[in-house]
C-alpha atoms as a PDB file:
ATOM      1  CA  MET A   1      44.226-124.097 -86.526  1.00  0.00           C
ATOM      2  CA  LYS A   2      40.785-122.490 -86.608  1.00  0.00           C
ATOM      3  CA  LYS A   3      40.138-119.027 -88.037  1.00  0.00           C
ATOM      4  CA  TRP A   4      37.008-116.882 -88.174  1.00  0.00           C
ATOM      5  CA  LEU A   5      36.547-113.688 -90.177  1.00  0.00           C
ATOM      6  CA  VAL A   6      33.426-111.544 -89.929  1.00  0.00           C
ATOM      7  CA  LEU A   7      32.997-108.097 -91.401  1.00  0.00           C
ATOM      8  CA  GLY A   8      30.917-105.436 -89.651  1.00  0.00           C
ATOM      9  CA  VAL A   9      28.061-103.586 -91.289  1.00  0.00           C
ATOM     10  CA  ALA A  10      28.323 -99.823 -91.274  1.00  0.00           C
ATOM     11  CA  ALA A  11      25.610 -97.609 -89.896  1.00  0.00           C
ATOM     12  CA  VAL A  12      24.893 -94.445 -91.816  1.00  0.00           C
ATOM     13  CA  ALA A  13      24.178 -91.019 -90.335  1.00  0.00           C
ATOM     14  CA  PHE A  14      22.163 -88.497 -92.297  1.00  0.00           C
ATOM     15  CA  PHE A  15      21.527 -84.970 -91.144  1.00  0.00           C
ATOM     16  CA  SER A  16      19.538 -81.894 -92.069  1.00  0.00           C
ATOM     17  CA  TYR A  17      19.391 -78.399 -90.636  1.00  0.00           C
ATOM     18  CA  GLU A  18      16.694 -76.514 -88.745  1.00  0.00           C
ATOM     19  CA  ASN A  19      16.713 -73.461 -86.511  1.00  0.00           C
ATOM     20  CA  ILE A  20      15.715 -74.742 -83.063  1.00  0.00           C
ATOM     21  CA  PRO A  21      16.179 -72.964 -79.712  1.00  0.00           C
ATOM     22  CA  MET A  22      18.457 -74.669 -77.208  1.00  0.00           C
ATOM     23  CA  GLU A  23      17.199 -75.964 -73.864  1.00  0.00           C
ATOM     24  CA  GLN A  24      17.804 -73.480 -71.064  1.00  0.00           C
ATOM     25  CA  ALA A  25      18.524 -75.803 -68.149  1.00  0.00           C
ATOM     26  CA  GLU A  26      19.874 -79.241 -67.402  1.00  0.00           C
ATOM     27  CA  ALA A  27      18.012 -81.545 -65.035  1.00  0.00           C
ATOM     28  CA  ASP A  28      19.872 -83.217 -62.176  1.00  0.00           C
ATOM     29  CA  TYR A  29      19.538 -86.931 -61.574  1.00  0.00           C
ATOM     30  CA  PRO A  30      20.573 -88.527 -58.260  1.00  0.00           C
ATOM     31  CA  LYS A  31      23.175 -91.230 -57.919  1.00  0.00           C
ATOM     32  CA  SER A  32      21.642 -94.654 -58.359  1.00  0.00           C
ATOM     33  CA  GLY A  33      24.065 -96.468 -56.099  1.00  0.00           C
ATOM     34  CA  GLY A  34      26.482 -99.279 -56.709  1.00  0.00           C
ATOM     35  CA  ALA A  35      30.214 -99.683 -56.234  1.00  0.00           C
ATOM     36  CA  LEU A  36      32.440 -97.924 -58.748  1.00  0.00           C
ATOM     37  CA  ILE A  37      34.323-100.389 -60.942  1.00  0.00           C
ATOM     38  CA  ASP A  38      35.843 -98.057 -63.513  1.00  0.00           C
ATOM     39  CA  ARG A  39      35.549 -94.569 -64.944  1.00  0.00           C
ATOM     40  CA  TYR A  40      36.132 -93.477 -68.547  1.00  0.00           C
ATOM     41  CA  THR A  41      36.025 -90.219 -70.479  1.00  0.00           C
ATOM     42  CA  SER A  42      32.777 -89.960 -72.444  1.00  0.00           C
ATOM     43  CA  GLU A  43      31.961 -88.376 -75.783  1.00  0.00           C
ATOM     44  CA  TYR A  44      29.867 -85.829 -73.872  1.00  0.00           C
ATOM     45  CA  PRO A  45      32.130 -82.900 -72.837  1.00  0.00           C
ATOM     46  CA  GLY A  46      32.537 -82.734 -69.066  1.00  0.00           C
ATOM     47  CA  TYR A  47      30.820 -86.080 -68.441  1.00  0.00           C
ATOM     48  CA  ASP A  48      32.273 -89.488 -67.621  1.00  0.00           C
ATOM     49  CA  TRP A  49      31.082 -93.027 -68.112  1.00  0.00           C
ATOM     50  CA  GLU A  50      31.125 -94.880 -64.790  1.00  0.00           C
ATOM     51  CA  VAL A  51      30.844 -98.652 -64.626  1.00  0.00           C
ATOM     52  CA  ARG A  52      29.132 -99.586 -61.371  1.00  0.00           C
ATOM     53  CA  ARG A  53      28.016-102.752 -59.649  1.00  0.00           C
ATOM     54  CA  THR A  54      25.080-103.379 -57.323  1.00  0.00           C
ATOM     55  CA  THR A  55      24.106-106.659 -55.719  1.00  0.00           C
ATOM     56  CA  THR A  56      21.968-107.470 -58.769  1.00  0.00           C
ATOM     57  CA  GLU A  57      23.630-105.955 -61.845  1.00  0.00           C
ATOM     58  CA  GLU A  58      26.461-104.057 -63.469  1.00  0.00           C
ATOM     59  CA  PHE A  59      25.642-100.994 -65.565  1.00  0.00           C
ATOM     60  CA  VAL A  60      27.168 -97.875 -67.099  1.00  0.00           C
ATOM     61  CA  ALA A  61      26.146 -94.425 -65.850  1.00  0.00           C
ATOM     62  CA  LEU A  62      26.849 -91.057 -67.480  1.00  0.00           C
ATOM     63  CA  THR A  63      27.982 -88.830 -64.619  1.00  0.00           C
ATOM     64  CA  LYS A  64      29.077 -85.286 -63.831  1.00  0.00           C
ATOM     65  CA  ASP A  65      29.947 -83.699 -60.487  1.00  0.00           C
ATOM     66  CA  GLY A  66      28.686 -86.659 -58.507  1.00  0.00           C
ATOM     67  CA  LYS A  67      25.320 -86.951 -60.242  1.00  0.00           C
ATOM     68  CA  ASP A  68      23.893 -89.354 -62.808  1.00  0.00           C
ATOM     69  CA  TYR A  69      22.565 -88.018 -66.095  1.00  0.00           C
ATOM     70  CA  GLY A  70      22.213 -91.123 -68.208  1.00  0.00           C
ATOM     71  CA  LYS A  71      22.463 -94.869 -67.997  1.00  0.00           C
ATOM     72  CA  TYR A  72      23.060 -98.027 -70.041  1.00  0.00           C
ATOM     73  CA  ARG A  73      21.451-101.183 -68.630  1.00  0.00           C
ATOM     74  CA  SER A  74      21.450-104.698 -70.043  1.00  0.00           C
ATOM     75  CA  LYS A  75      20.728-107.059 -67.152  1.00  0.00           C
ATOM     76  CA  ASN A  76      18.290-109.775 -68.152  1.00  0.00           C
ATOM     77  CA  GLY A  77      14.879-109.262 -66.530  1.00  0.00           C
ATOM     78  CA  VAL A  78      15.301-105.754 -65.114  1.00  0.00           C
ATOM     79  CA  THR A  79      12.662-103.113 -65.768  1.00  0.00           C
ATOM     80  CA  THR A  80      14.234-100.001 -67.253  1.00  0.00           C
ATOM     81  CA  GLN A  81      12.766 -97.038 -69.123  1.00  0.00           C
ATOM     82  CA  GLY A  82       9.353 -98.706 -69.286  1.00  0.00           C
ATOM     83  CA  ALA A  83      10.621-101.980 -70.738  1.00  0.00           C
ATOM     84  CA  VAL A  84      11.377-105.368 -69.223  1.00  0.00           C
ATOM     85  CA  LEU A  85      14.657-106.567 -70.688  1.00  0.00           C
ATOM     86  CA  ASN A  86      14.480-109.927 -72.438  1.00  0.00           C
ATOM     87  CA  LYS A  87      10.660-109.846 -72.294  1.00  0.00           C
ATOM     88  CA  ASP A  88       9.391-106.759 -74.108  1.00  0.00           C
ATOM     89  CA  THR A  89       9.921-106.713 -77.864  1.00  0.00           C
ATOM     90  CA  GLU A  90      10.182-104.187 -80.655  1.00  0.00           C
ATOM     91  CA  ALA A  91       6.489-104.824 -81.361  1.00  0.00           C
ATOM     92  CA  THR A  92       5.325-104.316 -77.759  1.00  0.00           C
ATOM     93  CA  LEU A  93       7.240-101.029 -77.505  1.00  0.00           C
ATOM     94  CA  ALA A  94       5.616 -99.782 -80.708  1.00  0.00           C
ATOM     95  CA  LYS A  95       2.211-100.202 -79.043  1.00  0.00           C
ATOM     96  CA  LYS A  96       3.041 -98.075 -75.991  1.00  0.00           C
ATOM     97  CA  GLY A  97       2.312 -94.791 -77.742  1.00  0.00           C
ATOM     98  CA  TRP A  98       5.694 -93.220 -76.975  1.00  0.00           C
ATOM     99  CA  LYS A  99       7.082 -90.455 -79.174  1.00  0.00           C
ATOM    100  CA  ALA A 100       9.489 -91.971 -81.686  1.00  0.00           C
ATOM    101  CA  VAL A 101      12.659 -89.983 -82.371  1.00  0.00           C
ATOM    102  CA  LYS A 102      13.984 -89.851 -85.918  1.00  0.00           C
ATOM    103  CA  SER A 103      16.682 -87.225 -85.343  1.00  0.00           C
ATOM    104  CA  TYR A 104      18.862 -85.720 -82.632  1.00  0.00           C
ATOM    105  CA  ARG A 105      18.889 -81.977 -82.076  1.00  0.00           C
ATOM    106  CA  LYS A 106      22.340 -80.367 -81.816  1.00  0.00           C
ATOM    107  CA  GLY A 107      22.098 -76.609 -81.546  1.00  0.00           C
ATOM    108  CA  ASN A 108      20.523 -75.585 -84.832  1.00  0.00           C
ATOM    109  CA  THR A 109      21.141 -78.963 -86.451  1.00  0.00           C
ATOM    110  CA  ASN A 110      19.027 -82.114 -86.603  1.00  0.00           C
ATOM    111  CA  TYR A 111      20.925 -85.355 -87.203  1.00  0.00           C
ATOM    112  CA  LEU A 112      18.625 -87.969 -88.682  1.00  0.00           C
ATOM    113  CA  LEU A 113      19.020 -91.428 -87.140  1.00  0.00           C
ATOM    114  CA  ASN A 114      19.376 -94.628 -89.118  1.00  0.00           C
ATOM    115  CA  LEU A 115      20.098 -97.334 -86.539  1.00  0.00           C
ATOM    116  CA  ASP A 116      19.603-101.004 -87.292  1.00  0.00           C
ATOM    117  CA  HIS A 117      17.838-103.173 -84.707  1.00  0.00           C
ATOM    118  CA  ALA A 118      17.264-100.246 -82.364  1.00  0.00           C
ATOM    119  CA  ALA A 119      14.581 -97.642 -81.738  1.00  0.00           C
ATOM    120  CA  VAL A 120      14.831 -94.247 -80.065  1.00  0.00           C
ATOM    121  CA  TYR A 121      11.957 -92.730 -78.106  1.00  0.00           C
ATOM    122  CA  GLU A 122      11.627 -89.432 -76.252  1.00  0.00           C
ATOM    123  CA  LYS A 123      10.707 -90.017 -72.603  1.00  0.00           C
ATOM    124  CA  ASN A 124      10.759 -87.390 -69.846  1.00  0.00           C
ATOM    125  CA  ASP A 125      13.124 -85.079 -71.745  1.00  0.00           C
ATOM    126  CA  ARG A 126      15.490 -87.943 -72.483  1.00  0.00           C
ATOM    127  CA  TYR A 127      16.398 -89.810 -75.632  1.00  0.00           C
ATOM    128  CA  VAL A 128      16.089 -93.512 -74.842  1.00  0.00           C
ATOM    129  CA  THR A 129      17.565 -96.059 -77.234  1.00  0.00           C
ATOM    130  CA  TYR A 130      16.164 -99.577 -77.029  1.00  0.00           C
ATOM    131  CA  PHE A 131      18.417-102.256 -78.501  1.00  0.00           C
ATOM    132  CA  PHE A 132      16.701-105.321 -79.978  1.00  0.00           C
ATOM    133  CA  ASP A 133      17.988-108.820 -80.679  1.00  0.00           C
ATOM    134  CA  GLN A 134      16.778-110.179 -83.997  1.00  0.00           C
ATOM    135  CA  HIS A 135      18.165-113.590 -83.072  1.00  0.00           C
ATOM    136  CA  ASP A 136      15.881-113.796 -80.019  1.00  0.00           C
ATOM    137  CA  GLY A 137      12.471-112.651 -81.174  1.00  0.00           C
ATOM    138  CA  ASN A 138      13.456-108.952 -81.397  1.00  0.00           C
ATOM    139  CA  LYS A 139      13.406-108.764 -77.607  1.00  0.00           C
ATOM    140  CA  VAL A 140      14.666-105.624 -75.880  1.00  0.00           C
ATOM    141  CA  LYS A 141      18.113-106.484 -74.574  1.00  0.00           C
ATOM    142  CA  ALA A 142      19.429-103.112 -73.390  1.00  0.00           C
ATOM    143  CA  THR A 143      18.545 -99.445 -72.988  1.00  0.00           C
ATOM    144  CA  LEU A 144      20.592 -96.265 -73.191  1.00  0.00           C
ATOM    145  CA  ALA A 145      19.017 -93.114 -71.727  1.00  0.00           C
ATOM    146  CA  ILE A 146      20.601 -89.696 -72.352  1.00  0.00           C
ATOM    147  CA  PRO A 147      18.975 -86.331 -71.466  1.00  0.00           C
ATOM    148  CA  LYS A 148      18.149 -84.268 -74.533  1.00  0.00           C
ATOM    149  CA  VAL A 149      20.133 -81.306 -73.248  1.00  0.00           C
ATOM    150  CA  VAL A 150      23.197 -83.500 -72.705  1.00  0.00           C
ATOM    151  CA  GLU A 151      22.935 -85.078 -76.158  1.00  0.00           C
ATOM    152  CA  ALA A 152      22.769 -81.569 -77.612  1.00  0.00           C
ATOM    153  CA  LYS A 153      26.182 -80.807 -76.112  1.00  0.00           C
ATOM    154  CA  LYS A 154      27.899 -83.651 -77.948  1.00  0.00           C
ATOM    155  CA  SER A 155      29.633 -82.501 -81.110  1.00  0.00           C
ATOM    156  CA  GLY A 156      27.886 -83.782 -84.218  1.00  0.00           C
ATOM    157  CA  PHE A 157      26.805 -87.401 -84.507  1.00  0.00           C
ATOM    158  CA  TYR A 158      29.837 -89.025 -82.874  1.00  0.00           C
ATOM    159  CA  GLY A 159      31.407 -86.523 -80.513  1.00  0.00           C
ATOM    160  CA  THR A 160      34.990 -85.289 -80.852  1.00  0.00           C
ATOM    161  CA  ALA A 161      37.649 -87.944 -81.364  1.00  0.00           C
ATOM    162  CA  SER A 162      40.468 -88.116 -78.813  1.00  0.00           C
ATOM    163  CA  SER A 163      42.957 -90.609 -77.428  1.00  0.00           C
ATOM    164  CA  ALA A 164      40.888 -90.747 -74.232  1.00  0.00           C
ATOM    165  CA  LEU A 165      37.699 -91.566 -76.160  1.00  0.00           C
ATOM    166  CA  ARG A 166      39.581 -94.239 -78.097  1.00  0.00           C
ATOM    167  CA  THR A 167      40.537 -95.917 -74.822  1.00  0.00           C
ATOM    168  CA  THR A 168      36.944 -95.595 -73.578  1.00  0.00           C
ATOM    169  CA  ASP A 169      35.524 -97.291 -76.660  1.00  0.00           C
ATOM    170  CA  GLU A 170      38.100-100.064 -76.506  1.00  0.00           C
ATOM    171  CA  LYS A 171      37.510-100.879 -72.847  1.00  0.00           C
ATOM    172  CA  LEU A 172      33.740-100.556 -72.955  1.00  0.00           C
ATOM    173  CA  MET A 173      33.445-102.776 -76.039  1.00  0.00           C
ATOM    174  CA  LEU A 174      35.292-105.588 -74.279  1.00  0.00           C
ATOM    175  CA  ARG A 175      33.140-105.127 -71.168  1.00  0.00           C
ATOM    176  CA  LEU A 176      29.900-105.188 -73.183  1.00  0.00           C
ATOM    177  CA  MET A 177      30.945-108.394 -74.914  1.00  0.00           C
ATOM    178  CA  ASN A 178      31.735-110.020 -71.576  1.00  0.00           C
ATOM    179  CA  TRP A 179      28.418-108.957 -70.063  1.00  0.00           C
ATOM    180  CA  ASP A 180      26.568-110.663 -72.894  1.00  0.00           C
ATOM    181  CA  ARG A 181      28.806-113.720 -72.725  1.00  0.00           C
ATOM    182  CA  ALA A 182      27.917-113.992 -69.034  1.00  0.00           C
ATOM    183  CA  GLU A 183      24.193-113.892 -69.869  1.00  0.00           C
ATOM    184  CA  TYR A 184      24.758-116.934 -72.105  1.00  0.00           C
ATOM    185  CA  LYS A 185      26.957-118.745 -69.551  1.00  0.00           C
ATOM    186  CA  ARG A 186      30.181-118.132 -71.451  1.00  0.00           C
ATOM    187  CA  GLY A 187      33.464-117.405 -69.728  1.00  0.00           C
ATOM    188  CA  ALA A 188      34.828-113.869 -69.814  1.00  0.00           C
ATOM    189  CA  LEU A 189      37.313-112.885 -72.506  1.00  0.00           C
ATOM    190  CA  THR A 190      40.586-111.918 -70.870  1.00  0.00           C
ATOM    191  CA  PRO A 191      42.247-108.735 -72.185  1.00  0.00           C
ATOM    192  CA  TYR A 192      45.310-109.629 -74.246  1.00  0.00           C
ATOM    193  CA  ASN A 193      47.325-106.438 -74.582  1.00  0.00           C
ATOM    194  CA  ALA A 194      49.871-107.990 -76.940  1.00  0.00           C
ATOM    195  CA  LEU A 195      47.166-107.689 -79.617  1.00  0.00           C
ATOM    196  CA  LYS A 196      46.806-103.922 -79.133  1.00  0.00           C
ATOM    197  CA  PRO A 197      49.404-102.972 -81.783  1.00  0.00           C
ATOM    198  CA  VAL A 198      47.581-105.274 -84.227  1.00  0.00           C
ATOM    199  CA  THR A 199      44.025-104.088 -83.598  1.00  0.00           C
ATOM    200  CA  ARG A 200      44.819-100.395 -83.406  1.00  0.00           C
ATOM    201  CA  ALA A 201      47.050-100.502 -86.470  1.00  0.00           C
ATOM    202  CA  HIS A 202      44.325-102.095 -88.586  1.00  0.00           C
ATOM    203  CA  SER A 203      41.686 -99.598 -87.427  1.00  0.00           C
ATOM    204  CA  GLU A 204      44.124 -96.753 -88.116  1.00  0.00           C
ATOM    205  CA  ASN A 205      44.865 -98.182 -91.562  1.00  0.00           C
ATOM    206  CA  MET A 206      41.153 -98.404 -92.401  1.00  0.00           C
ATOM    207  CA  ALA A 207      40.431 -94.901 -91.108  1.00  0.00           C
ATOM    208  CA  LYS A 208      43.411 -93.290 -92.826  1.00  0.00           C
ATOM    209  CA  ASN A 209      43.031 -95.064 -96.157  1.00  0.00           C
ATOM    210  CA  ASN A 210      39.209 -95.148 -96.205  1.00  0.00           C
ATOM    211  CA  PHE A 211      38.609 -98.883 -96.600  1.00  0.00           C
ATOM    212  CA  PHE A 212      36.694-101.457 -94.579  1.00  0.00           C
ATOM    213  CA  SER A 213      37.976-105.003 -94.921  1.00  0.00           C
ATOM    214  CA  HIS A 214      39.759-107.811 -93.128  1.00  0.00           C
ATOM    215  CA  THR A 215      42.355-107.734 -95.892  1.00  0.00           C
ATOM    216  CA  ASP A 216      44.406-104.554 -95.886  1.00  0.00           C
ATOM    217  CA  PRO A 217      45.852-102.790 -98.974  1.00  0.00           C
ATOM    218  CA  GLN A 218      49.102-104.646 -98.320  1.00  0.00           C
ATOM    219  CA  GLY A 219      47.262-107.945 -98.855  1.00  0.00           C
ATOM    220  CA  ARG A 220      47.502-109.098 -95.231  1.00  0.00           C
ATOM    221  CA  ASP A 221      44.631-110.784 -93.402  1.00  0.00           C
ATOM    222  CA  PRO A 222      44.293-110.581 -89.580  1.00  0.00           C
ATOM    223  CA  PHE A 223      46.222-113.797 -89.082  1.00  0.00           C
ATOM    224  CA  ASP A 224      49.112-112.424 -91.128  1.00  0.00           C
ATOM    225  CA  ARG A 225      49.043-109.289 -88.977  1.00  0.00           C
ATOM    226  CA  MET A 226      49.055-111.337 -85.765  1.00  0.00           C
ATOM    227  CA  LYS A 227      51.927-113.509 -86.921  1.00  0.00           C
ATOM    228  CA  ALA A 228      53.922-110.441 -87.977  1.00  0.00           C
ATOM    229  CA  LYS A 229      53.822-109.313 -84.336  1.00  0.00           C
ATOM    230  CA  GLY A 230      54.890-112.719 -83.083  1.00  0.00           C
ATOM    231  CA  ILE A 231      51.449-113.675 -81.749  1.00  0.00           C
ATOM    232  CA  ARG A 232      50.708-117.370 -81.869  1.00  0.00           C
ATOM    233  CA  PHE A 233      47.263-118.888 -81.553  1.00  0.00           C
ATOM    234  CA  SER A 234      45.405-122.170 -81.814  1.00  0.00           C
ATOM    235  CA  THR A 235      42.133-120.398 -82.611  1.00  0.00           C
ATOM    236  CA  ALA A 236      41.602-116.816 -83.726  1.00  0.00           C
ATOM    237  CA  GLY A 237      38.975-114.535 -85.225  1.00  0.00           C
ATOM    238  CA  GLU A 238      38.202-110.943 -86.082  1.00  0.00           C
ATOM    239  CA  ASN A 239      35.160-108.652 -86.041  1.00  0.00           C
ATOM    240  CA  LEU A 240      35.090-105.234 -87.668  1.00  0.00           C
ATOM    241  CA  SER A 241      32.613-102.394 -87.224  1.00  0.00           C
ATOM    242  CA  MET A 242      32.359 -98.766 -88.236  1.00  0.00           C
ATOM    243  CA  GLY A 243      29.919 -95.890 -88.512  1.00  0.00           C
ATOM    244  CA  TYR A 244      27.890 -96.298 -85.317  1.00  0.00           C
ATOM    245  CA  PRO A 245      27.268 -93.238 -83.096  1.00  0.00           C
ATOM    246  CA  ASN A 246      28.590 -94.866 -79.906  1.00  0.00           C
ATOM    247  CA  VAL A 247      30.115 -98.061 -78.589  1.00  0.00           C
ATOM    248  CA  PHE A 248      26.756 -99.364 -77.329  1.00  0.00           C
ATOM    249  CA  ALA A 249      25.180 -99.158 -80.793  1.00  0.00           C
ATOM    250  CA  ALA A 250      28.305-100.683 -82.335  1.00  0.00           C
ATOM    251  CA  HIS A 251      28.122-103.628 -79.940  1.00  0.00           C
ATOM    252  CA  TRP A 252      24.480-104.323 -80.704  1.00  0.00           C
ATOM    253  CA  GLY A 253      25.106-103.990 -84.407  1.00  0.00           C
ATOM    254  CA  LEU A 254      27.622-106.810 -84.032  1.00  0.00           C
ATOM    255  CA  MET A 255      25.303-108.875 -81.835  1.00  0.00           C
ATOM    256  CA  ASN A 256      22.581-108.670 -84.491  1.00  0.00           C
ATOM    257  CA  SER A 257      24.859-110.101 -87.178  1.00  0.00           C
ATOM    258  CA  LYS A 258      25.055-113.869 -86.814  1.00  0.00           C
ATOM    259  CA  GLY A 259      28.711-114.182 -87.762  1.00  0.00           C
ATOM    260  CA  HIS A 260      29.783-111.417 -85.399  1.00  0.00           C
ATOM    261  CA  ARG A 261      27.606-112.835 -82.654  1.00  0.00           C
ATOM    262  CA  ASP A 262      29.126-116.286 -83.145  1.00  0.00           C
ATOM    263  CA  ASN A 263      32.588-114.815 -82.659  1.00  0.00           C
ATOM    264  CA  ILE A 264      31.542-112.900 -79.539  1.00  0.00           C
ATOM    265  CA  MET A 265      29.867-115.988 -78.076  1.00  0.00           C
ATOM    266  CA  ASN A 266      32.473-118.511 -79.230  1.00  0.00           C
ATOM    267  CA  ASN A 267      33.420-120.459 -76.132  1.00  0.00           C
ATOM    268  CA  ASP A 268      36.704-121.492 -77.768  1.00  0.00           C
ATOM    269  CA  PHE A 269      37.949-117.914 -77.582  1.00  0.00           C
ATOM    270  CA  LYS A 270      39.673-117.058 -74.317  1.00  0.00           C
ATOM    271  CA  GLN A 271      41.286-113.674 -75.005  1.00  0.00           C
ATOM    272  CA  ALA A 272      40.437-110.537 -76.957  1.00  0.00           C
ATOM    273  CA  ASP A 273      41.561-107.019 -77.705  1.00  0.00           C
ATOM    274  CA  VAL A 274      39.784-104.037 -79.232  1.00  0.00           C
ATOM    275  CA  GLY A 275      41.527-101.344 -81.258  1.00  0.00           C
ATOM    276  CA  VAL A 276      39.810 -98.088 -82.244  1.00  0.00           C
ATOM    277  CA  ALA A 277      40.679 -95.304 -84.650  1.00  0.00           C
ATOM    278  CA  PHE A 278      38.661 -92.376 -86.005  1.00  0.00           C
ATOM    279  CA  ARG A 279      37.945 -90.930 -89.414  1.00  0.00           C
ATOM    280  CA  GLU A 280      36.213 -87.553 -89.176  1.00  0.00           C
ATOM    281  CA  ASN A 281      35.235 -88.529 -85.606  1.00  0.00           C
ATOM    282  CA  SER A 282      33.576 -91.762 -86.745  1.00  0.00           C
ATOM    283  CA  PRO A 283      34.978 -94.769 -84.837  1.00  0.00           C
ATOM    284  CA  TYR A 284      36.413 -97.834 -86.538  1.00  0.00           C
ATOM    285  CA  PHE A 285      36.564-100.970 -84.361  1.00  0.00           C
ATOM    286  CA  THR A 286      38.861-103.938 -84.869  1.00  0.00           C
ATOM    287  CA  ILE A 287      38.232-106.803 -82.448  1.00  0.00           C
ATOM    288  CA  ASN A 288      40.641-109.735 -82.419  1.00  0.00           C
ATOM    289  CA  PHE A 289      39.867-112.960 -80.581  1.00  0.00           C
ATOM    290  CA  ARG A 290      42.491-115.507 -79.576  1.00  0.00           C
ATOM    291  CA  THR A 291      42.990-118.856 -77.913  1.00  0.00           C
ATOM    292  CA  PRO A 292      46.640-119.621 -77.088  1.00  0.00           C
END
């Protein structure tokens, strides 16, 4: 019986306060096409995340009233937000002369950013996050573009926790892992809902009792927790993450940690489930992997 345990590294959000006038208007962005695969509640009030598919890629769009306002793209080789994915690097972006963003403006508050293996630039009134892969020459692997005026509407650093946002984070995390597995010719992880009581309970335990560990205060490791729910496995593993501002940053935090990445890319794993809980709106992720 094989077991893998990998602990996530927390991101830290710092913030300071300034008096800054709010933007007066919100720009409209046209639909960018593609068949709708799924729709989730976003952390931006009144906006949804839509997963869509074109003939060349799948992506996530931030939408409202039939229009696109933001987008996450990760397809190898596409040109997005001035970068060619899997070709441009952290170093080449730094030479482009773009305005680096060190904080997000929220009303009269600036939240200082401290993201690992990512950079945020201001481009055409949008905040664009470029996610790098330190295990592949710090190449740009994905972008997330959000209009400044939309980001300003999100409460604080994380948005407001809700059961709907929990479901969003859980489903998107599994989808993001499978997209990257596909890029590396790995089979998709099948959702295994029997793990949901295990993953959610551990995230809830960590959030409620303010700890971050594979071993809970009751002395149980993830395999104990699986067995207690009657879940059998030939191979199993667990990733944990907390403190990131959104599911996209959390995913790339995991992908930039070798142990986490090995779990995500482990071809032995066939099934997975993600459980999310919140502490003061900050999401805790528990990801369990399983092979029957």
